[in-house]
Protein backbone atom coordinates (compact mmCIF):
# COMPACT_ATOMS: atom_id res chain seq x y z
CA MET A 1 71.08 119.77 140.96
CA LEU A 2 70.03 121.78 137.84
CA TYR A 3 72.28 124.09 136.62
CA ILE A 4 71.04 127.01 134.37
CA ILE A 5 73.70 128.69 131.96
CA ASP A 6 73.44 131.78 130.28
CA ALA A 7 75.43 130.57 127.33
CA ASN A 8 76.94 133.70 125.47
CA ASN A 9 77.47 134.86 128.78
CA LEU A 10 79.93 132.30 129.88
CA ALA A 11 81.08 132.30 125.91
CA GLY A 12 81.83 135.96 125.99
CA LYS A 13 83.85 135.48 129.37
CA LEU A 14 85.48 132.65 128.15
CA LYS A 15 86.18 135.05 125.08
CA MET A 16 84.67 131.75 122.59
CA LEU A 17 81.99 134.06 121.76
CA GLY A 18 83.32 135.04 117.77
CA GLU A 19 84.63 131.78 117.62
CA GLU A 20 83.09 129.09 114.67
CA ASN A 21 80.76 126.75 116.48
CA PHE A 22 81.34 128.42 119.92
CA ASP A 23 78.26 126.64 120.72
CA LYS A 24 79.21 122.97 120.04
CA LYS A 25 82.62 124.04 121.59
CA LEU A 26 80.98 125.40 124.81
CA ARG A 27 78.30 122.18 125.08
CA ASP A 28 81.28 119.87 124.83
CA LEU A 29 82.97 121.82 127.50
CA ILE A 30 79.93 122.21 129.93
CA LYS A 31 79.55 118.38 129.37
CA GLU A 32 82.70 117.39 129.98
CA TYR A 33 82.82 119.24 133.34
CA PHE A 34 79.75 117.94 134.16
CA LYS A 35 80.23 114.50 133.20
CA LYS A 36 81.31 112.64 136.66
CA LYS A 37 78.60 115.05 138.53
CA LYS A 38 74.65 113.97 138.64
CA SER A 39 73.19 116.88 137.59
CA LEU A 40 70.86 118.47 134.94
CA VAL A 41 72.22 121.46 133.29
CA ILE A 42 70.03 124.38 130.91
CA LEU A 43 72.50 126.07 128.39
CA VAL A 44 70.42 129.02 127.13
CA PHE A 45 71.76 130.58 124.19
CA ASP A 46 70.48 134.27 123.05
CA SER A 47 67.95 133.83 119.82
CA SER A 48 66.14 136.07 117.49
CA ASP A 49 63.58 133.53 117.10
CA PRO A 50 61.22 133.26 119.52
CA MET A 51 60.94 129.56 119.45
CA GLY A 52 64.43 128.50 118.97
CA ASP A 53 65.95 125.26 119.08
CA LYS A 54 65.56 122.80 122.33
CA ILE A 55 68.36 120.05 121.84
CA THR A 56 69.22 117.12 124.56
CA ASP A 57 72.41 115.46 125.08
CA GLY A 58 72.52 113.44 127.98
CA ASN A 59 71.84 115.66 131.28
CA ILE A 60 72.34 118.77 128.73
CA THR A 61 69.81 120.91 127.27
CA LEU A 62 69.97 123.89 124.58
CA VAL A 63 67.86 126.08 124.74
């Protein structure tokens, strides 16, 4: 199963949005949660850069 997650909204809901390196902390949290599941996860972060970055780490992709 594929999960597409709005990372900024989730970070806000988890009260992580203002923290330093919240993106890495959220990635680690999601990676741990989905570690034993055979799912693909795409975390989508808001960006002012139209091309943005794309990072793949196992079954997690950050855009």
